[in-house]
């Protein structure tokens, strides 16, 4: 800088300082005002928009697509253009050089001008950097595959209900619908094994939640129980296992109180005197609770699957298993504990309660309607609002 320019600059600086604002309290006041406004904005965003909830981190979940926060996406995307053995260039060297460049900026940028038109080189360089970061961020967003939707239970009640569904699919065929244990039938490698009840005080009082979690996750191989956690080759995520533990604790441990909404959600609506049962309201909850564990692919079930209405009506090696209006149907006979060509007693270890078998019979006699609307149309009189019956609520 030549002496004349330096003198002019110092004079302007002196005049600006004489007529300007003081750092305290003027600038401090403005900073506080802006800081509080930003804080209030963040509070409002958190209160009215929030952040999309995700399941707990699970290192064994290979379906999860990891991504950093949006403000680091450009750096994450940069790694796609750097060979694996040189990852340290993108993860360490480039960020470090960028921070050092900002730190030393005042030392090598000696241009006294502040107007952007007189700082073309700096503007061009910074614009290129910002546009590059923006382009990399957009590429990262566009190329990120969609995250698989996972069942996410945030409240205790939701966790218990999710755990009930997990138990119905994964555990009923060995431990029974209510944890009663008994002789295992139809499970390859465990046929004839006698299991003790897991709903008893001996089990619930002496096993902590962590112990139950570990048993489900790792299994008990010496006792014939396979691992269920994904980290050990099973099907359940850590969130599923935690939900299952909560279901067991609040359903079978008399020291824990089962939330009322869970008891109501787990119950099956009772049938009125002339009401026709429907699959979606009455039959599906019974099947999910007592039958789905065995009647799914990969199980010994004569290919009779019961995951939905169509499979219940049409699948199996001895179709039809349900003939509308006929109580001699295969399903009704097997529920009645008869041994027929289509299969043996269902469920194999313990008979359904009489009131549940009655629902199946009335459903078949009523034409096995799928929806509640179809059932209502076949009822001889208007149906009353169904009331939940505690008879099918899981009990020890």
Protein backbone atom coordinates (compact mmCIF):
# COMPACT_ATOMS: atom_id res chain seq x y z
CA UNK A 1 0.00 0.00 0.00
CA UNK A 2 1.46 3.34 -0.99
CA UNK A 3 1.79 6.12 1.64
CA UNK A 4 -1.07 8.22 0.23
CA UNK A 5 -3.50 5.31 0.26
CA UNK A 6 -2.44 4.36 3.77
CA UNK A 7 -2.91 7.94 5.00
CA UNK A 8 -6.38 8.12 3.41
CA UNK A 9 -7.33 4.80 4.92
CA UNK A 10 -6.22 5.78 8.42
CA UNK A 11 -8.07 9.07 8.18
CA UNK A 12 -11.29 7.35 7.16
CA UNK A 13 -10.84 4.81 9.93
CA UNK A 14 -10.36 7.59 12.49
CA UNK A 15 -13.51 9.42 11.32
CA UNK A 16 -15.58 6.26 11.28
CA UNK A 17 -14.44 5.36 14.78
CA UNK A 18 -15.27 8.85 16.09
CA UNK A 19 -18.80 8.77 14.67
CA UNK A 20 -19.48 5.03 15.02
CA UNK A 21 -21.12 2.77 17.62
CA UNK A 22 -19.44 1.57 20.76
CA UNK A 23 -18.86 -2.14 21.15
CA UNK A 24 -20.41 -1.97 24.62
CA UNK A 25 -23.30 -1.66 24.99
CA UNK A 26 -24.43 -0.97 21.38
CA UNK A 27 -22.94 -3.94 19.48
CA UNK A 28 -23.41 -6.29 22.44
CA UNK A 29 -27.11 -5.36 22.55
CA UNK A 30 -27.55 -6.09 18.83
CA UNK A 31 -25.74 -9.43 19.14
CA UNK A 32 -27.93 -10.45 22.08
CA UNK A 33 -31.08 -9.48 20.20
CA UNK A 34 -30.13 -11.49 17.13
CA UNK A 35 -28.98 -14.47 19.23
CA UNK A 36 -32.26 -14.54 21.14
CA UNK A 37 -34.24 -14.33 17.87
CA UNK A 38 -32.37 -17.32 16.47
CA UNK A 39 -32.87 -19.24 19.73
CA UNK A 40 -36.62 -18.49 19.63
CA UNK A 41 -36.78 -19.65 16.00
CA UNK A 42 -35.10 -22.95 16.92
CA UNK A 43 -37.53 -23.48 19.80
CA UNK A 44 -40.51 -22.89 17.49
CA UNK A 45 -39.10 -25.24 14.85
CA UNK A 46 -38.51 -27.94 17.47
CA UNK A 47 -42.00 -27.49 18.96
CA UNK A 48 -44.04 -27.43 15.74
CA UNK A 49 -41.93 -29.41 13.26
CA UNK A 50 -39.42 -31.47 15.24
CA UNK A 51 -37.15 -34.11 13.82
CA UNK A 52 -38.37 -37.32 12.23
CA UNK A 53 -37.95 -40.08 14.77
CA UNK A 54 -35.86 -43.10 13.80
CA UNK A 55 -35.29 -46.45 15.49
CA UNK A 56 -32.38 -46.77 17.91
CA UNK A 57 -28.98 -47.22 16.28
CA UNK A 58 -28.42 -50.86 15.40
CA UNK A 59 -24.97 -51.82 14.06
CA UNK A 60 -26.34 -55.19 12.93
CA UNK A 61 -28.99 -53.63 10.67
CA UNK A 62 -27.47 -53.86 7.19
CA UNK A 63 -30.57 -52.30 5.59
CA UNK A 64 -29.94 -48.92 7.25
CA UNK A 65 -28.49 -46.26 4.93
CA UNK A 66 -26.09 -44.11 6.98
CA UNK A 67 -25.89 -40.44 6.08
CA UNK A 68 -24.38 -37.45 7.94
CA UNK A 69 -26.29 -34.27 8.70
CA UNK A 70 -27.13 -32.13 5.67
CA UNK A 71 -24.36 -29.61 6.33
CA UNK A 72 -21.74 -32.40 5.97
CA UNK A 73 -23.27 -34.05 2.91
CA UNK A 74 -20.91 -32.27 0.51
CA UNK A 75 -17.89 -33.73 2.29
CA UNK A 76 -19.54 -37.16 2.39
CA UNK A 77 -20.24 -37.01 -1.35
CA UNK A 78 -16.66 -35.96 -2.04
CA UNK A 79 -15.50 -39.38 -0.82
CA UNK A 80 -17.21 -40.95 -3.84
CA UNK A 81 -14.54 -39.42 -6.07
CA UNK A 82 -11.60 -40.48 -3.90
CA UNK A 83 -10.24 -44.06 -4.02
CA UNK A 84 -10.56 -46.07 -0.85
CA UNK A 85 -6.87 -46.07 0.00
CA UNK A 86 -6.86 -42.27 -0.20
CA UNK A 87 -9.92 -41.68 1.99
CA UNK A 88 -7.75 -39.80 4.44
CA UNK A 89 -7.38 -37.05 1.82
CA UNK A 90 -11.13 -36.36 1.88
CA UNK A 91 -11.71 -37.01 5.57
CA UNK A 92 -8.65 -35.28 7.02
CA UNK A 93 -6.38 -33.43 4.60
CA UNK A 94 -8.94 -31.33 2.70
CA UNK A 95 -10.91 -30.22 5.81
CA UNK A 96 -7.66 -29.42 7.63
CA UNK A 97 -6.31 -27.30 4.74
CA UNK A 98 -9.66 -25.47 4.51
CA UNK A 99 -9.58 -24.58 8.22
CA UNK A 100 -5.94 -23.46 8.00
CA UNK A 101 -6.73 -21.33 4.93
CA UNK A 102 -9.45 -19.52 6.86
CA UNK A 103 -7.13 -19.09 9.83
CA UNK A 104 -4.36 -17.51 7.75
CA UNK A 105 -6.68 -15.52 5.50
CA UNK A 106 -5.93 -12.15 7.22
CA UNK A 107 -2.22 -12.71 6.72
CA UNK A 108 -2.16 -13.31 2.95
CA UNK A 109 -5.21 -11.24 1.91
CA UNK A 110 -3.82 -7.69 2.26
CA UNK A 111 -6.26 -5.96 -0.10
CA UNK A 112 -7.57 -2.88 1.79
CA UNK A 113 -10.68 -2.62 -0.41
CA UNK A 114 -13.89 -4.09 0.93
CA UNK A 115 -16.26 -3.56 -2.00
CA UNK A 116 -16.89 -6.82 -3.88
CA UNK A 117 -16.24 -5.24 -7.27
CA UNK A 118 -12.64 -4.54 -6.21
CA UNK A 119 -12.13 -8.09 -4.90
CA UNK A 120 -12.91 -10.10 -8.01
CA UNK A 121 -10.36 -12.86 -7.35
CA UNK A 122 -11.63 -13.48 -3.82
CA UNK A 123 -15.27 -13.41 -4.97
CA UNK A 124 -14.59 -15.85 -7.82
CA UNK A 125 -12.70 -18.29 -5.59
CA UNK A 126 -15.33 -18.20 -2.82
CA UNK A 127 -18.20 -18.49 -5.30
CA UNK A 128 -16.59 -21.55 -6.86
CA UNK A 129 -16.17 -23.14 -3.42
CA UNK A 130 -19.80 -22.44 -2.39
CA UNK A 131 -21.18 -23.68 -5.73
CA UNK A 132 -19.05 -26.82 -5.45
CA UNK A 133 -20.35 -27.50 -1.94
CA UNK A 134 -23.93 -26.92 -3.12
CA UNK A 135 -23.50 -29.23 -6.11
CA UNK A 136 -22.01 -32.01 -3.96
CA UNK A 137 -24.84 -31.63 -1.42
CA UNK A 138 -27.50 -31.92 -4.15
CA UNK A 139 -25.76 -34.98 -5.60
CA UNK A 140 -25.70 -36.61 -2.17
CA UNK A 141 -29.43 -35.99 -1.65
CA UNK A 142 -30.40 -37.22 -5.13
CA UNK A 143 -28.29 -40.39 -5.02
CA UNK A 144 -29.25 -41.44 -1.48
CA UNK A 145 -31.50 -44.54 -1.67
CA UNK A 146 -34.75 -44.35 0.28
CA UNK A 147 -34.59 -45.55 3.86
CA UNK A 148 -36.58 -48.68 4.56
CA UNK A 149 -39.61 -47.89 6.67
CA UNK A 150 -39.29 -49.50 10.07
CA UNK A 151 -41.91 -50.03 12.71
CA UNK A 152 -41.21 -47.26 15.16
CA UNK A 153 -42.78 -47.40 18.59
CA UNK A 154 -42.14 -44.23 20.56
CA UNK A 155 -44.50 -44.62 23.53
CA UNK A 156 -44.59 -47.45 26.05
CA UNK A 157 -48.02 -48.57 24.80
CA UNK A 158 -46.81 -48.69 21.20
CA UNK A 159 -43.74 -50.67 22.28
CA UNK A 160 -45.86 -53.24 24.13
CA UNK A 161 -48.21 -53.67 21.15
CA UNK A 162 -45.25 -54.02 18.77
CA UNK A 163 -43.72 -56.57 21.17
CA UNK A 164 -47.00 -58.50 21.19
CA UNK A 165 -46.90 -58.74 17.40
CA UNK A 166 -43.26 -59.85 17.48
CA UNK A 167 -44.03 -62.49 20.11
CA UNK A 168 -46.99 -63.79 18.07
CA UNK A 169 -44.80 -64.36 15.03
CA UNK A 170 -41.49 -65.46 16.56
CA UNK A 171 -42.28 -67.13 19.88
CA UNK A 172 -45.76 -68.67 20.02
CA UNK A 173 -44.93 -71.94 18.24
CA UNK A 174 -42.52 -72.91 21.06
CA UNK A 175 -43.54 -70.95 24.15
CA UNK A 176 -47.31 -70.86 23.57
CA UNK A 177 -49.60 -67.89 22.99
CA UNK A 178 -49.50 -66.89 26.64
CA UNK A 179 -46.01 -68.08 27.57
CA UNK A 180 -47.37 -71.26 29.10
CA UNK A 181 -44.72 -73.52 27.54
CA UNK A 182 -45.40 -77.24 27.27
CA UNK A 183 -44.48 -79.83 24.64
CA UNK A 184 -43.20 -78.44 21.35
CA UNK A 185 -44.90 -79.90 18.27
CA UNK A 186 -44.14 -79.35 14.63
CA UNK A 187 -40.85 -77.50 15.12
CA UNK A 188 -37.95 -79.19 13.38
CA UNK A 189 -35.19 -80.20 15.78
CA UNK A 190 -37.27 -79.46 18.88
CA UNK A 191 -40.12 -81.91 18.44
CA UNK A 192 -41.20 -83.29 21.82
CA UNK A 193 -39.09 -80.92 23.92
CA UNK A 194 -40.87 -79.76 27.07
CA UNK A 195 -40.49 -76.06 27.82
CA UNK A 196 -41.18 -74.52 31.20
CA UNK A 197 -43.54 -71.53 31.38
CA UNK A 198 -41.92 -68.16 30.84
CA UNK A 199 -44.81 -66.13 32.25
CA UNK A 200 -44.27 -67.25 35.84
CA UNK A 201 -42.95 -65.23 38.76
CA UNK A 202 -39.88 -67.48 38.80
CA UNK A 203 -38.98 -66.16 35.35
CA UNK A 204 -40.15 -62.55 35.58
CA UNK A 205 -38.87 -61.84 39.09
CA UNK A 206 -35.41 -63.31 38.57
CA UNK A 207 -34.59 -61.92 35.12
CA UNK A 208 -33.91 -58.26 34.48
CA UNK A 209 -34.81 -56.57 31.21
CA UNK A 210 -31.14 -56.72 30.18
CA UNK A 211 -31.08 -60.47 30.81
CA UNK A 212 -34.24 -61.05 28.77
CA UNK A 213 -32.81 -58.88 25.98
CA UNK A 214 -29.57 -60.89 25.90
CA UNK A 215 -31.39 -64.23 25.89
CA UNK A 216 -33.55 -63.18 22.93
CA UNK A 217 -30.65 -61.53 21.11
CA UNK A 218 -28.04 -64.28 21.51
CA UNK A 219 -30.38 -67.20 22.14
CA UNK A 220 -29.60 -70.24 24.29
CA UNK A 221 -27.98 -72.62 21.80
CA UNK A 222 -27.32 -75.39 24.34
CA UNK A 223 -31.04 -75.45 25.15
CA UNK A 224 -32.12 -75.39 21.49
CA UNK A 225 -33.12 -71.71 21.35
CA UNK A 226 -31.61 -70.01 18.28
CA UNK A 227 -30.46 -66.36 18.30
CA UNK A 228 -33.08 -63.87 17.18
CA UNK A 229 -30.92 -60.73 17.01
CA UNK A 230 -29.73 -59.64 13.57
CA UNK A 231 -26.19 -59.41 14.88
CA UNK A 232 -26.21 -63.18 15.44
CA UNK A 233 -28.08 -64.21 12.30
CA UNK A 234 -31.66 -63.72 13.50
CA UNK A 235 -34.51 -61.56 12.17
CA UNK A 236 -35.07 -59.04 14.95
CA UNK A 237 -33.62 -55.57 15.26
CA UNK A 238 -32.62 -54.20 18.63
CA UNK A 239 -35.81 -52.13 18.65
CA UNK A 240 -37.92 -55.25 18.04
CA UNK A 241 -36.17 -57.09 20.88
CA UNK A 242 -36.67 -54.17 23.28
CA UNK A 243 -40.36 -54.05 22.36
CA UNK A 244 -40.62 -57.80 22.99
CA UNK A 245 -38.99 -57.40 26.42
CA UNK A 246 -41.47 -54.64 27.29
CA UNK A 247 -44.37 -56.85 26.19
CA UNK A 248 -43.19 -59.69 28.41
CA UNK A 249 -42.53 -57.43 31.38
CA UNK A 250 -45.85 -55.57 31.34
CA UNK A 251 -47.97 -58.59 30.39
CA UNK A 252 -46.60 -61.25 32.75
CA UNK A 253 -44.89 -59.42 35.61
CA UNK A 254 -47.56 -58.59 38.20
CA UNK A 255 -45.33 -55.83 39.56
CA UNK A 256 -45.86 -53.87 36.31
CA UNK A 257 -49.21 -52.38 35.37
CA UNK A 258 -50.36 -52.96 31.80
CA UNK A 259 -51.63 -49.67 30.30
CA UNK A 260 -55.40 -49.67 29.78
CA UNK A 261 -55.14 -48.76 26.10
CA UNK A 262 -52.89 -51.78 25.53
CA UNK A 263 -55.37 -54.13 27.20
CA UNK A 264 -58.16 -52.74 25.02
CA UNK A 265 -56.11 -52.92 21.83
CA UNK A 266 -55.12 -56.53 22.56
CA UNK A 267 -58.72 -57.65 23.15
CA UNK A 268 -61.08 -59.04 20.53
CA UNK A 269 -64.55 -57.46 20.13
CA UNK A 270 -67.27 -59.68 21.54
CA UNK A 271 -70.03 -60.90 19.26
CA UNK A 272 -73.62 -59.88 19.81
CA UNK A 273 -76.34 -62.57 19.94
CA UNK A 274 -77.14 -62.40 16.21
CA UNK A 275 -73.96 -60.75 14.97
CA UNK A 276 -71.92 -62.28 12.17
CA UNK A 277 -68.18 -62.31 12.75
CA UNK A 278 -65.86 -60.77 10.16
CA UNK A 279 -62.28 -61.62 9.30
CA UNK A 280 -60.89 -58.11 9.74
CA UNK A 281 -62.49 -57.46 13.15
CA UNK A 282 -62.65 -60.87 14.85
CA UNK A 283 -60.71 -63.59 13.02
CA UNK A 284 -57.53 -61.72 12.07
CA UNK A 285 -56.63 -60.80 15.68
CA UNK A 286 -57.10 -64.42 16.78
CA UNK A 287 -54.96 -65.75 13.92
CA UNK A 288 -52.24 -63.19 14.59
CA UNK A 289 -52.16 -64.10 18.26
CA UNK A 290 -52.46 -67.89 18.09
CA UNK A 291 -51.76 -69.12 14.53
CA UNK A 292 -49.40 -66.85 12.57
CA UNK A 293 -46.26 -68.17 14.27
CA UNK A 294 -46.71 -71.58 12.61
CA UNK A 295 -48.73 -70.68 9.51
CA UNK A 296 -46.09 -68.69 7.65
CA UNK A 297 -43.55 -69.66 5.00
CA UNK A 298 -40.78 -72.01 6.06
CA UNK A 299 -42.78 -73.77 8.77
CA UNK A 300 -44.23 -77.27 8.94
CA UNK A 301 -47.86 -76.46 8.14
CA UNK A 302 -48.88 -78.37 4.97
CA UNK A 303 -48.40 -75.07 3.13
CA UNK A 304 -51.44 -73.63 4.89
CA UNK A 305 -50.52 -69.95 5.31
CA UNK A 306 -52.65 -67.50 7.28
CA UNK A 307 -51.01 -64.11 6.80
CA UNK A 308 -54.13 -62.56 5.25
CA UNK A 309 -57.70 -63.35 4.25
CA UNK A 310 -56.89 -64.82 0.84
CA UNK A 311 -54.26 -67.20 2.24
CA UNK A 312 -56.58 -68.28 5.05
CA UNK A 313 -59.30 -69.14 2.54
CA UNK A 314 -57.31 -70.59 -0.36
CA UNK A 315 -53.83 -71.85 0.65
CA UNK A 316 -52.72 -75.29 1.82
CA UNK A 317 -52.19 -78.80 0.45
CA UNK A 318 -55.76 -79.81 1.33
CA UNK A 319 -57.82 -76.91 0.05
CA UNK A 320 -60.42 -75.84 0.75
CA UNK A 321 -59.71 -75.68 4.46
CA UNK A 322 -62.75 -73.44 4.93
CA UNK A 323 -66.12 -74.15 3.32
CA UNK A 324 -68.61 -71.40 4.08
CA UNK A 325 -71.60 -72.59 6.04
CA UNK A 326 -69.99 -75.99 6.79
CA UNK A 327 -68.78 -76.81 10.30
CA UNK A 328 -67.08 -79.93 8.92
CA UNK A 329 -64.46 -77.68 7.30
CA UNK A 330 -60.85 -78.70 7.91
CA UNK A 331 -60.09 -75.61 10.00
CA UNK A 332 -63.06 -76.11 12.33
CA UNK A 333 -62.27 -79.80 12.81
CA UNK A 334 -58.61 -79.06 13.60
CA UNK A 335 -59.64 -76.33 16.06
CA UNK A 336 -61.81 -79.01 17.66
CA UNK A 337 -58.62 -81.05 18.30
CA UNK A 338 -59.33 -83.67 15.63
CA UNK A 339 -56.59 -85.48 13.72
CA UNK A 340 -57.50 -85.42 10.02
CA UNK A 341 -55.65 -85.71 6.72
CA UNK A 342 -55.24 -81.91 6.48
CA UNK A 343 -53.44 -81.79 9.84
CA UNK A 344 -53.62 -82.30 13.56
CA UNK A 345 -55.08 -80.24 16.39
CA UNK A 346 -54.68 -76.49 16.08
CA UNK A 347 -52.95 -74.94 17.94
CA UNK A 348 -50.88 -78.08 18.51
CA UNK A 349 -49.92 -77.47 22.15
CA UNK A 350 -53.05 -76.01 23.71
CA UNK A 351 -56.70 -75.76 22.64
CA UNK A 352 -58.20 -72.35 21.94
CA UNK A 353 -60.65 -71.04 24.47
CA UNK A 354 -64.25 -72.11 23.70
CA UNK A 355 -65.36 -68.53 23.07
CA UNK A 356 -62.69 -68.14 20.38
CA UNK A 357 -63.67 -71.39 18.67
CA UNK A 358 -67.27 -70.18 18.76
CA UNK A 359 -66.21 -67.02 16.90
CA UNK A 360 -64.63 -69.18 14.18
CA UNK A 361 -67.77 -71.32 13.90
CA UNK A 362 -70.10 -68.33 13.66
CA UNK A 363 -67.79 -66.78 11.08
CA UNK A 364 -67.93 -69.92 8.90
CA UNK A 365 -71.69 -70.27 9.31
CA UNK A 366 -72.11 -66.62 8.42
CA UNK A 367 -70.34 -67.09 5.08
CA UNK A 368 -66.80 -66.19 6.24
CA UNK A 369 -67.13 -62.48 5.36
CA UNK A 370 -63.92 -60.52 4.89
CA UNK A 371 -64.86 -57.02 6.05
CA UNK A 372 -67.03 -55.68 8.84
CA UNK A 373 -69.35 -54.15 6.23
CA UNK A 374 -69.90 -57.57 4.61
CA UNK A 375 -70.60 -59.11 8.02
CA UNK A 376 -73.05 -56.36 8.91
CA UNK A 377 -74.93 -56.93 5.67
CA UNK A 378 -75.37 -60.61 6.59
CA UNK A 379 -76.49 -60.01 10.14
CA UNK A 380 -80.24 -60.41 10.73
CA UNK A 381 -80.41 -57.23 12.84
CA UNK A 382 -78.35 -54.02 13.19
CA UNK A 383 -75.11 -54.75 15.01
CA UNK A 384 -74.38 -53.03 18.25
CA UNK A 385 -71.04 -51.38 18.73
CA UNK A 386 -68.68 -54.26 19.56
CA UNK A 387 -67.31 -54.30 23.07
CA UNK A 388 -63.89 -55.67 23.85
CA UNK A 389 -63.84 -58.91 25.78
CA UNK A 390 -61.11 -59.45 28.33
CA UNK A 391 -61.39 -63.21 27.75
CA UNK A 392 -58.82 -63.03 24.96
CA UNK A 393 -56.55 -60.47 26.54
CA UNK A 394 -53.18 -62.18 27.15
CA UNK A 395 -53.04 -63.48 30.71
CA UNK A 396 -50.56 -65.68 32.53
